[in-house]
Amino acid sequence: MLEFVNSKTGARRVPGGGLDATAGTIDVLNHIALKYAAGTEKLSDLLAEAKKAVEEFGKDAQYKYAEYYIKVFNKLAENEGYVAKESARLDNIIRKGGLAPSKLDELQSKSNILKHYIKVITGKDEL
């Protein structure tokens, strides 16, 4: 599949202008999410590891999505069903349409991050 990468933001776009399924995801934070799914470490330890990784990003283009991973870890500590519920909510908003292109990109990137959590937690690509 052909893909275009924005050199400033790193956003991956497919023909037609939409974002691909990896836009917004960050490899180092995905690996921390895998550790959560494996259940080998406490959530509080993983949260500390994720915060340390986010600090290393500084304020670059991916920083806001790195912060989103932290938010998801915090929400998981409160409610294990958060990821599925929030993913469904974002998908509904995206499906309805009528969003500004920048907002659509933001929601799609967040949705991609949540889908990664779902994939590692359940072992499935989608619910």
N, C-alpha and C. Protein backbone atom coordinates (compact mmCIF):
# COMPACT_ATOMS: atom_id res chain seq x y z
N MET A 1 0.85 -1.18 0.00
CA MET A 1 0.00 0.00 0.00
C MET A 1 0.89 1.23 0.00
N LEU A 2 0.56 2.19 -0.83
CA LEU A 2 1.29 3.45 -0.88
C LEU A 2 1.00 4.28 0.35
N GLU A 3 2.02 4.95 0.83
CA GLU A 3 1.87 5.72 2.06
C GLU A 3 2.72 6.98 1.96
N PHE A 4 2.23 8.07 2.46
CA PHE A 4 2.95 9.33 2.46
C PHE A 4 3.19 9.74 3.91
N VAL A 5 4.43 10.17 4.21
CA VAL A 5 4.77 10.56 5.57
C VAL A 5 5.05 12.05 5.60
N ASN A 6 4.35 12.78 6.46
CA ASN A 6 4.58 14.20 6.66
C ASN A 6 5.89 14.35 7.42
N SER A 7 6.87 15.03 6.83
CA SER A 7 8.18 15.14 7.45
C SER A 7 8.16 15.95 8.74
N LYS A 8 7.20 16.84 8.92
CA LYS A 8 7.14 17.67 10.12
C LYS A 8 6.51 16.91 11.30
N THR A 9 5.41 16.23 11.06
CA THR A 9 4.69 15.58 12.16
C THR A 9 4.88 14.07 12.21
N GLY A 10 5.37 13.48 11.14
CA GLY A 10 5.52 12.03 11.10
C GLY A 10 4.22 11.31 10.82
N ALA A 11 3.15 12.05 10.52
CA ALA A 11 1.85 11.44 10.25
C ALA A 11 1.93 10.61 8.98
N ARG A 12 1.39 9.42 9.06
CA ARG A 12 1.39 8.52 7.91
C ARG A 12 0.03 8.59 7.24
N ARG A 13 0.04 8.93 5.96
CA ARG A 13 -1.21 9.08 5.22
C ARG A 13 -1.26 8.07 4.08
N VAL A 14 -2.46 7.59 3.84
CA VAL A 14 -2.72 6.69 2.73
C VAL A 14 -3.32 7.51 1.60
N PRO A 15 -3.31 6.97 0.37
CA PRO A 15 -3.95 7.71 -0.71
C PRO A 15 -5.39 8.07 -0.34
N GLY A 16 -5.77 9.28 -0.62
CA GLY A 16 -7.08 9.78 -0.23
C GLY A 16 -6.98 10.72 0.95
N GLY A 17 -5.81 10.74 1.60
CA GLY A 17 -5.57 11.70 2.66
C GLY A 17 -5.76 11.22 4.08
N GLY A 18 -6.37 10.05 4.29
CA GLY A 18 -6.60 9.57 5.64
C GLY A 18 -5.32 9.06 6.30
N LEU A 19 -5.37 8.89 7.60
CA LEU A 19 -4.23 8.37 8.33
C LEU A 19 -4.24 6.85 8.30
N ASP A 20 -3.04 6.26 8.34
CA ASP A 20 -3.00 4.80 8.39
C ASP A 20 -3.18 4.32 9.82
N ALA A 21 -3.17 3.02 10.02
CA ALA A 21 -3.49 2.42 11.33
C ALA A 21 -2.39 2.60 12.36
N THR A 22 -1.21 3.10 11.95
CA THR A 22 -0.13 3.29 12.91
C THR A 22 0.07 4.76 13.29
N ALA A 23 -0.65 5.66 12.67
CA ALA A 23 -0.50 7.08 12.97
C ALA A 23 -0.82 7.34 14.43
N GLY A 24 0.05 8.07 15.10
CA GLY A 24 -0.15 8.40 16.51
C GLY A 24 0.48 7.42 17.47
N THR A 25 0.72 6.18 17.01
CA THR A 25 1.30 5.19 17.91
C THR A 25 2.81 5.41 18.03
N ILE A 26 3.36 5.03 19.17
CA ILE A 26 4.78 5.24 19.47
C ILE A 26 5.35 3.91 19.94
N ASP A 27 6.36 3.41 19.24
CA ASP A 27 6.88 2.07 19.50
C ASP A 27 7.27 1.82 20.95
N VAL A 28 8.03 2.73 21.55
CA VAL A 28 8.50 2.50 22.92
C VAL A 28 7.32 2.39 23.89
N LEU A 29 6.28 3.16 23.67
CA LEU A 29 5.10 3.11 24.53
C LEU A 29 4.24 1.89 24.21
N ASN A 30 4.26 1.45 22.95
CA ASN A 30 3.56 0.21 22.60
C ASN A 30 4.17 -0.98 23.35
N HIS A 31 5.49 -0.98 23.49
CA HIS A 31 6.16 -2.07 24.21
C HIS A 31 5.78 -2.08 25.69
N ILE A 32 5.61 -0.89 26.26
CA ILE A 32 5.17 -0.82 27.65
C ILE A 32 3.74 -1.35 27.78
N ALA A 33 2.90 -1.05 26.80
CA ALA A 33 1.54 -1.58 26.79
C ALA A 33 1.56 -3.11 26.69
N LEU A 34 2.50 -3.66 25.94
CA LEU A 34 2.64 -5.11 25.85
C LEU A 34 2.97 -5.71 27.21
N LYS A 35 3.80 -5.03 27.97
CA LYS A 35 4.13 -5.50 29.32
C LYS A 35 2.88 -5.52 30.20
N TYR A 36 2.02 -4.52 30.03
CA TYR A 36 0.76 -4.48 30.78
C TYR A 36 -0.08 -5.71 30.44
N ALA A 37 -0.20 -5.99 29.15
CA ALA A 37 -1.01 -7.12 28.72
C ALA A 37 -0.45 -8.44 29.23
N ALA A 38 0.88 -8.53 29.31
CA ALA A 38 1.51 -9.76 29.79
C ALA A 38 1.28 -9.97 31.28
N GLY A 39 0.99 -8.87 32.00
CA GLY A 39 0.73 -8.97 33.42
C GLY A 39 1.96 -9.27 34.26
N THR A 40 3.14 -9.01 33.69
CA THR A 40 4.38 -9.33 34.41
C THR A 40 4.83 -8.22 35.35
N GLU A 41 4.28 -7.04 35.18
CA GLU A 41 4.67 -5.91 36.02
C GLU A 41 3.43 -5.19 36.51
N LYS A 42 3.58 -4.50 37.65
CA LYS A 42 2.47 -3.74 38.21
C LYS A 42 2.18 -2.53 37.32
N LEU A 43 0.92 -2.16 37.25
CA LEU A 43 0.51 -1.02 36.45
C LEU A 43 1.23 0.26 36.90
N SER A 44 1.42 0.42 38.20
CA SER A 44 2.10 1.62 38.70
C SER A 44 3.55 1.69 38.21
N ASP A 45 4.22 0.54 38.12
CA ASP A 45 5.59 0.51 37.59
C ASP A 45 5.62 0.84 36.11
N LEU A 46 4.64 0.32 35.38
CA LEU A 46 4.57 0.60 33.95
C LEU A 46 4.24 2.07 33.69
N LEU A 47 3.38 2.64 34.52
CA LEU A 47 3.05 4.05 34.40
C LEU A 47 4.29 4.90 34.61
N ALA A 48 5.10 4.57 35.62
CA ALA A 48 6.34 5.31 35.87
C ALA A 48 7.30 5.17 34.68
N GLU A 49 7.39 3.98 34.12
CA GLU A 49 8.25 3.76 32.96
C GLU A 49 7.76 4.57 31.75
N ALA A 50 6.45 4.60 31.56
CA ALA A 50 5.87 5.36 30.45
C ALA A 50 6.11 6.86 30.64
N LYS A 51 5.96 7.36 31.86
CA LYS A 51 6.19 8.78 32.13
C LYS A 51 7.63 9.16 31.84
N LYS A 52 8.55 8.28 32.21
CA LYS A 52 9.97 8.55 31.95
C LYS A 52 10.22 8.61 30.44
N ALA A 53 9.62 7.69 29.70
CA ALA A 53 9.78 7.68 28.24
C ALA A 53 9.21 8.95 27.62
N VAL A 54 8.07 9.40 28.13
CA VAL A 54 7.41 10.60 27.59
C VAL A 54 8.28 11.83 27.84
N GLU A 55 8.91 11.89 29.00
CA GLU A 55 9.78 13.04 29.30
C GLU A 55 10.91 13.17 28.29
N GLU A 56 11.37 12.05 27.77
CA GLU A 56 12.46 12.07 26.80
C GLU A 56 12.03 12.61 25.44
N PHE A 57 10.74 12.65 25.18
CA PHE A 57 10.26 13.17 23.91
C PHE A 57 10.38 14.68 23.81
N GLY A 58 10.39 15.36 24.96
CA GLY A 58 10.37 16.81 24.92
C GLY A 58 9.03 17.26 24.37
N LYS A 59 9.03 18.34 23.65
CA LYS A 59 7.78 18.88 23.09
C LYS A 59 7.73 18.71 21.58
N ASP A 60 8.18 17.56 21.08
CA ASP A 60 8.12 17.34 19.64
C ASP A 60 6.70 17.01 19.18
N ALA A 61 6.56 16.72 17.91
CA ALA A 61 5.23 16.53 17.32
C ALA A 61 4.47 15.36 17.95
N GLN A 62 5.18 14.33 18.41
CA GLN A 62 4.49 13.17 18.96
C GLN A 62 4.19 13.30 20.45
N TYR A 63 4.60 14.40 21.06
CA TYR A 63 4.45 14.55 22.51
C TYR A 63 3.00 14.43 22.96
N LYS A 64 2.07 15.04 22.23
CA LYS A 64 0.68 14.98 22.69
C LYS A 64 0.14 13.55 22.64
N TYR A 65 0.62 12.74 21.70
CA TYR A 65 0.16 11.35 21.66
C TYR A 65 0.88 10.53 22.72
N ALA A 66 2.11 10.89 23.04
CA ALA A 66 2.82 10.23 24.14
C ALA A 66 2.08 10.50 25.45
N GLU A 67 1.62 11.73 25.65
CA GLU A 67 0.83 12.06 26.83
C GLU A 67 -0.47 11.26 26.87
N TYR A 68 -1.04 10.98 25.70
CA TYR A 68 -2.29 10.22 25.64
C TYR A 68 -2.08 8.80 26.18
N TYR A 69 -0.93 8.20 25.89
CA TYR A 69 -0.63 6.88 26.46
C TYR A 69 -0.68 6.94 27.99
N ILE A 70 -0.13 8.02 28.56
CA ILE A 70 -0.13 8.18 30.01
C ILE A 70 -1.57 8.27 30.52
N LYS A 71 -2.39 9.04 29.81
CA LYS A 71 -3.80 9.17 30.19
C LYS A 71 -4.48 7.80 30.18
N VAL A 72 -4.19 7.01 29.15
CA VAL A 72 -4.81 5.68 29.05
C VAL A 72 -4.36 4.79 30.21
N PHE A 73 -3.07 4.81 30.55
CA PHE A 73 -2.60 4.03 31.70
C PHE A 73 -3.30 4.47 32.98
N ASN A 74 -3.45 5.78 33.16
CA ASN A 74 -4.14 6.29 34.36
C ASN A 74 -5.59 5.82 34.40
N LYS A 75 -6.26 5.87 33.25
CA LYS A 75 -7.66 5.43 33.19
C LYS A 75 -7.79 3.93 33.42
N LEU A 76 -6.80 3.16 32.92
CA LEU A 76 -6.82 1.72 33.14
C LEU A 76 -6.70 1.38 34.62
N ALA A 77 -5.96 2.21 35.35
CA ALA A 77 -5.82 1.99 36.78
C ALA A 77 -7.16 2.15 37.49
N GLU A 78 -8.01 3.02 36.96
CA GLU A 78 -9.32 3.27 37.54
C GLU A 78 -10.38 2.28 37.06
N ASN A 79 -10.27 1.88 35.77
CA ASN A 79 -11.33 1.10 35.15
C ASN A 79 -10.74 0.27 34.01
N GLU A 80 -10.72 -1.04 34.16
CA GLU A 80 -10.13 -1.90 33.12
C GLU A 80 -10.92 -1.87 31.82
N GLY A 81 -12.17 -1.46 31.85
CA GLY A 81 -12.99 -1.41 30.64
C GLY A 81 -12.88 -0.11 29.87
N TYR A 82 -12.03 0.80 30.35
CA TYR A 82 -11.92 2.12 29.73
C TYR A 82 -11.55 2.05 28.25
N VAL A 83 -10.57 1.24 27.91
CA VAL A 83 -10.07 1.22 26.53
C VAL A 83 -11.17 0.86 25.54
N ALA A 84 -11.91 -0.18 25.81
CA ALA A 84 -12.97 -0.61 24.89
C ALA A 84 -14.06 0.46 24.78
N LYS A 85 -14.45 1.02 25.90
CA LYS A 85 -15.51 2.02 25.90
C LYS A 85 -15.08 3.29 25.16
N GLU A 86 -13.88 3.76 25.43
CA GLU A 86 -13.38 4.98 24.78
C GLU A 86 -13.14 4.75 23.29
N SER A 87 -12.66 3.58 22.93
CA SER A 87 -12.45 3.25 21.53
C SER A 87 -13.77 3.29 20.76
N ALA A 88 -14.80 2.71 21.34
CA ALA A 88 -16.13 2.72 20.70
C ALA A 88 -16.65 4.15 20.57
N ARG A 89 -16.44 4.97 21.60
CA ARG A 89 -16.89 6.36 21.57
C ARG A 89 -16.19 7.13 20.45
N LEU A 90 -14.88 6.99 20.34
CA LEU A 90 -14.15 7.70 19.29
C LEU A 90 -14.56 7.21 17.90
N ASP A 91 -14.73 5.90 17.76
CA ASP A 91 -15.15 5.36 16.46
C ASP A 91 -16.50 5.93 16.04
N ASN A 92 -17.42 6.09 16.99
CA ASN A 92 -18.73 6.67 16.67
C ASN A 92 -18.60 8.11 16.21
N ILE A 93 -17.77 8.89 16.87
CA ILE A 93 -17.56 10.28 16.48
C ILE A 93 -16.96 10.36 15.09
N ILE A 94 -15.95 9.52 14.82
CA ILE A 94 -15.30 9.51 13.51
C ILE A 94 -16.29 9.11 12.43
N ARG A 95 -17.10 8.09 12.71
CA ARG A 95 -18.09 7.61 11.72
C ARG A 95 -19.12 8.67 11.38
N LYS A 96 -19.53 9.47 12.37
CA LYS A 96 -20.53 10.51 12.13
C LYS A 96 -20.03 11.55 11.14
N GLY A 97 -18.71 11.81 11.18
CA GLY A 97 -18.13 12.77 10.25
C GLY A 97 -18.41 14.21 10.65
N GLY A 98 -18.17 15.12 9.70
CA GLY A 98 -18.40 16.54 9.92
C GLY A 98 -17.33 17.20 10.77
N LEU A 99 -16.19 16.55 10.92
CA LEU A 99 -15.11 17.10 11.73
C LEU A 99 -14.11 17.86 10.88
N ALA A 100 -13.48 18.84 11.49
CA ALA A 100 -12.37 19.53 10.82
C ALA A 100 -11.26 18.51 10.59
N PRO A 101 -10.51 18.64 9.50
CA PRO A 101 -9.45 17.66 9.21
C PRO A 101 -8.46 17.47 10.36
N SER A 102 -8.08 18.53 11.04
CA SER A 102 -7.12 18.38 12.14
C SER A 102 -7.73 17.61 13.31
N LYS A 103 -9.01 17.83 13.59
CA LYS A 103 -9.68 17.10 14.67
C LYS A 103 -9.85 15.64 14.28
N LEU A 104 -10.17 15.38 13.03
CA LEU A 104 -10.30 14.00 12.56
C LEU A 104 -8.96 13.27 12.71
N ASP A 105 -7.86 13.94 12.35
CA ASP A 105 -6.53 13.33 12.50
C ASP A 105 -6.24 13.02 13.96
N GLU A 106 -6.58 13.94 14.85
CA GLU A 106 -6.34 13.75 16.29
C GLU A 106 -7.14 12.55 16.80
N LEU A 107 -8.42 12.50 16.47
CA LEU A 107 -9.26 11.40 16.94
C LEU A 107 -8.84 10.06 16.34
N GLN A 108 -8.42 10.08 15.07
CA GLN A 108 -7.96 8.84 14.43
C GLN A 108 -6.68 8.34 15.08
N SER A 109 -5.78 9.26 15.41
CA SER A 109 -4.54 8.87 16.08
C SER A 109 -4.82 8.28 17.46
N LYS A 110 -5.72 8.91 18.21
CA LYS A 110 -6.09 8.38 19.53
C LYS A 110 -6.76 7.02 19.39
N SER A 111 -7.60 6.88 18.39
CA SER A 111 -8.26 5.61 18.15
C SER A 111 -7.24 4.52 17.82
N ASN A 112 -6.22 4.87 17.04
CA ASN A 112 -5.16 3.91 16.71
C ASN A 112 -4.43 3.44 17.97
N ILE A 113 -4.17 4.38 18.88
CA ILE A 113 -3.50 4.04 20.14
C ILE A 113 -4.38 3.08 20.94
N LEU A 114 -5.66 3.38 21.05
CA LEU A 114 -6.58 2.52 21.80
C LEU A 114 -6.69 1.14 21.16
N LYS A 115 -6.72 1.10 19.84
CA LYS A 115 -6.80 -0.18 19.14
C LYS A 115 -5.56 -1.03 19.42
N HIS A 116 -4.41 -0.35 19.58
CA HIS A 116 -3.20 -1.10 19.93
C HIS A 116 -3.36 -1.72 21.32
N TYR A 117 -3.89 -0.97 22.27
CA TYR A 117 -4.14 -1.51 23.61
C TYR A 117 -5.09 -2.70 23.52
N ILE A 118 -6.15 -2.57 22.74
CA ILE A 118 -7.11 -3.66 22.60
C ILE A 118 -6.42 -4.89 22.03
N LYS A 119 -5.59 -4.66 21.03
CA LYS A 119 -4.88 -5.76 20.39
C LYS A 119 -3.97 -6.49 21.38
N VAL A 120 -3.22 -5.74 22.18
CA VAL A 120 -2.30 -6.40 23.11
C VAL A 120 -3.03 -7.03 24.30
N ILE A 121 -4.13 -6.43 24.71
CA ILE A 121 -4.85 -6.97 25.86
C ILE A 121 -5.64 -8.22 25.49
N THR A 122 -6.30 -8.17 24.33
CA THR A 122 -7.16 -9.29 23.95
C THR A 122 -6.50 -10.26 22.98
N GLY A 123 -5.43 -9.82 22.34
CA GLY A 123 -4.81 -10.65 21.31
C GLY A 123 -5.55 -10.59 19.99
N LYS A 124 -6.54 -9.68 19.90
CA LYS A 124 -7.32 -9.52 18.68
C LYS A 124 -7.10 -8.12 18.12
N ASP A 125 -7.29 -7.96 16.81
CA ASP A 125 -7.13 -6.65 16.19
C ASP A 125 -8.23 -5.69 16.56
N GLU A 126 -9.43 -6.17 16.77
CA GLU A 126 -10.58 -5.32 17.12
C GLU A 126 -11.48 -6.08 18.07
N LEU A 127 -12.37 -5.35 18.71
CA LEU A 127 -13.34 -6.00 19.59
C LEU A 127 -14.37 -6.77 18.82
